[in-house]
Amino acid sequence: MNWKLIGMTAVINAVITILLTIIYLPLSIIGPLIGGFLASYLSSGYEDYEVIDLKDGAVLGAFSGLIGGLILTVLFMIFGSLNPLLEVFIGSNTILLGYVILQITVISSFILGLVGGVIGVLCKN
């Protein structure tokens, strides 16, 4: 696996998601999709074979989404961009708030990155 490419697409995922969250929250799903798409679309073949199939694209997109989700969690916790929104539902318990942000961000980014990876392989082939 090309970890530099996965790391680069995870950062792209996080940056696009942060910007779209600030602009308009429902558009934030585009970031992980683009990150997963780029991870599988820009990836070259492995040592054993040249063709990347749907499973490989899904794995690359999932890794990109997972790492991007962790980066997003750290950024959300540092800058507190979701604090007022989630405090309405949870209260002011910061440990619980951090856990909810971690779960929502990582799981949604993981799934959307996986879908983006599959779309990237379909477009590449």
Protein backbone atom coordinates (compact mmCIF):
# COMPACT_ATOMS: atom_id res chain seq x y z
CA MET A 1 0.00 0.00 0.00
CA ASN A 2 1.13 3.50 -0.73
CA TRP A 3 0.88 5.14 2.70
CA LYS A 4 1.99 8.55 1.41
CA LEU A 5 -0.96 8.60 -0.98
CA ILE A 6 -3.37 7.47 1.74
CA GLY A 7 -2.05 10.13 4.11
CA MET A 8 -2.31 12.83 1.47
CA THR A 9 -5.89 11.88 0.61
CA ALA A 10 -6.78 11.73 4.32
CA VAL A 11 -5.57 15.31 4.75
CA ILE A 12 -7.53 16.34 1.64
CA ASN A 13 -10.56 14.59 3.16
CA ALA A 14 -10.17 16.51 6.43
CA VAL A 15 -9.58 19.91 4.82
CA ILE A 16 -12.52 19.64 2.42
CA THR A 17 -14.79 18.39 5.20
CA ILE A 18 -13.81 21.21 7.57
CA LEU A 19 -14.35 23.84 4.88
CA LEU A 20 -17.70 22.42 3.83
CA THR A 21 -18.80 22.05 7.47
CA ILE A 22 -18.12 25.74 7.99
CA ILE A 23 -19.92 26.70 4.76
CA TYR A 24 -22.89 24.32 4.90
CA LEU A 25 -22.98 21.20 7.11
CA PRO A 26 -24.83 18.74 4.79
CA LEU A 27 -22.13 19.21 2.13
CA SER A 28 -19.51 17.79 4.49
CA ILE A 29 -20.11 14.27 3.15
CA ILE A 30 -18.27 15.28 -0.03
CA GLY A 31 -14.87 15.40 1.72
CA PRO A 32 -14.57 11.68 2.57
CA LEU A 33 -16.01 10.72 -0.82
CA ILE A 34 -13.34 12.77 -2.59
CA GLY A 35 -10.60 11.43 -0.31
CA GLY A 36 -11.56 7.80 -0.96
CA PHE A 37 -12.00 8.48 -4.67
CA LEU A 38 -8.54 10.02 -4.98
CA ALA A 39 -6.91 7.25 -2.91
CA SER A 40 -8.12 4.54 -5.26
CA TYR A 41 -8.04 6.52 -8.51
CA LEU A 42 -4.44 7.71 -8.10
CA SER A 43 -3.16 4.40 -6.76
CA SER A 44 -1.06 2.21 -9.01
CA GLY A 45 -1.00 -1.57 -9.11
CA TYR A 46 0.64 -3.68 -6.47
CA GLU A 47 3.78 -5.79 -6.82
CA ASP A 48 1.94 -9.00 -7.66
CA TYR A 49 -0.56 -7.65 -10.17
CA GLU A 50 -1.30 -4.46 -12.05
CA VAL A 51 -5.09 -4.35 -11.88
CA ILE A 52 -6.89 -2.79 -8.91
CA ASP A 53 -10.28 -4.36 -8.28
CA LEU A 54 -13.24 -3.13 -6.23
CA LYS A 55 -11.98 -4.73 -3.00
CA ASP A 56 -8.65 -2.92 -3.29
CA GLY A 57 -10.43 0.38 -3.94
CA ALA A 58 -12.69 -0.19 -0.97
CA VAL A 59 -9.71 -0.90 1.30
CA LEU A 60 -7.78 2.15 0.08
CA GLY A 61 -10.83 4.39 0.46
CA ALA A 62 -11.59 2.97 3.90
CA PHE A 63 -8.05 3.61 5.12
CA SER A 64 -8.20 7.15 3.74
CA GLY A 65 -11.57 7.71 5.42
CA LEU A 66 -10.43 6.24 8.72
CA ILE A 67 -7.29 8.36 8.94
CA GLY A 68 -9.19 11.42 7.70
CA GLY A 69 -11.86 10.81 10.35
CA LEU A 70 -9.23 10.71 13.08
CA ILE A 71 -7.71 13.96 11.80
CA LEU A 72 -11.20 15.51 11.74
CA THR A 73 -11.87 14.39 15.30
CA VAL A 74 -8.71 16.07 16.52
CA LEU A 75 -9.55 19.27 14.61
CA PHE A 76 -13.15 19.30 15.85
CA MET A 77 -12.00 18.83 19.43
CA ILE A 78 -9.33 21.53 19.16
CA PHE A 79 -11.46 24.16 17.47
CA GLY A 80 -14.80 23.07 18.96
CA SER A 81 -16.77 23.70 15.78
CA LEU A 82 -19.44 21.16 16.78
CA ASN A 83 -19.56 22.00 20.47
CA PRO A 84 -22.70 24.17 20.47
CA LEU A 85 -24.55 21.76 18.19
CA LEU A 86 -23.86 18.65 20.26
CA GLU A 87 -24.16 20.30 23.68
CA VAL A 88 -27.87 20.70 23.04
CA PHE A 89 -28.29 16.92 22.89
CA ILE A 90 -25.61 15.71 25.31
CA GLY A 91 -25.04 18.50 27.80
CA SER A 92 -21.69 19.88 28.87
CA ASN A 93 -19.92 16.58 29.62
CA THR A 94 -16.75 17.01 27.54
CA ILE A 95 -15.63 13.36 27.72
CA LEU A 96 -18.96 12.15 26.39
CA LEU A 97 -18.97 14.94 23.83
CA GLY A 98 -15.51 13.93 22.60
CA TYR A 99 -16.56 10.29 22.37
CA VAL A 100 -19.67 11.15 20.34
CA ILE A 101 -17.65 13.36 17.98
CA LEU A 102 -15.11 10.56 17.56
CA GLN A 103 -17.75 7.94 16.77
CA ILE A 104 -19.79 10.06 14.38
CA THR A 105 -16.80 11.46 12.53
CA VAL A 106 -14.75 8.28 12.18
CA ILE A 107 -17.62 5.96 11.26
CA SER A 108 -19.17 8.34 8.72
CA SER A 109 -15.78 9.18 7.19
CA PHE A 110 -14.85 5.49 7.06
CA ILE A 111 -18.04 4.48 5.24
CA LEU A 112 -18.00 7.43 2.85
CA GLY A 113 -14.30 6.89 2.11
CA LEU A 114 -15.03 3.25 1.33
CA VAL A 115 -17.78 4.28 -1.11
CA GLY A 116 -15.47 6.87 -2.66
CA GLY A 117 -12.78 4.21 -3.11
CA VAL A 118 -15.18 1.93 -4.97
CA ILE A 119 -16.31 4.84 -7.17
CA GLY A 120 -12.65 5.66 -7.90
CA VAL A 121 -11.95 2.12 -9.10
CA LEU A 122 -15.11 2.13 -11.24
CA CYS A 123 -14.04 5.41 -12.87
CA LYS A 124 -10.46 4.20 -13.34
CA ASN A 125 -11.53 1.02 -15.11
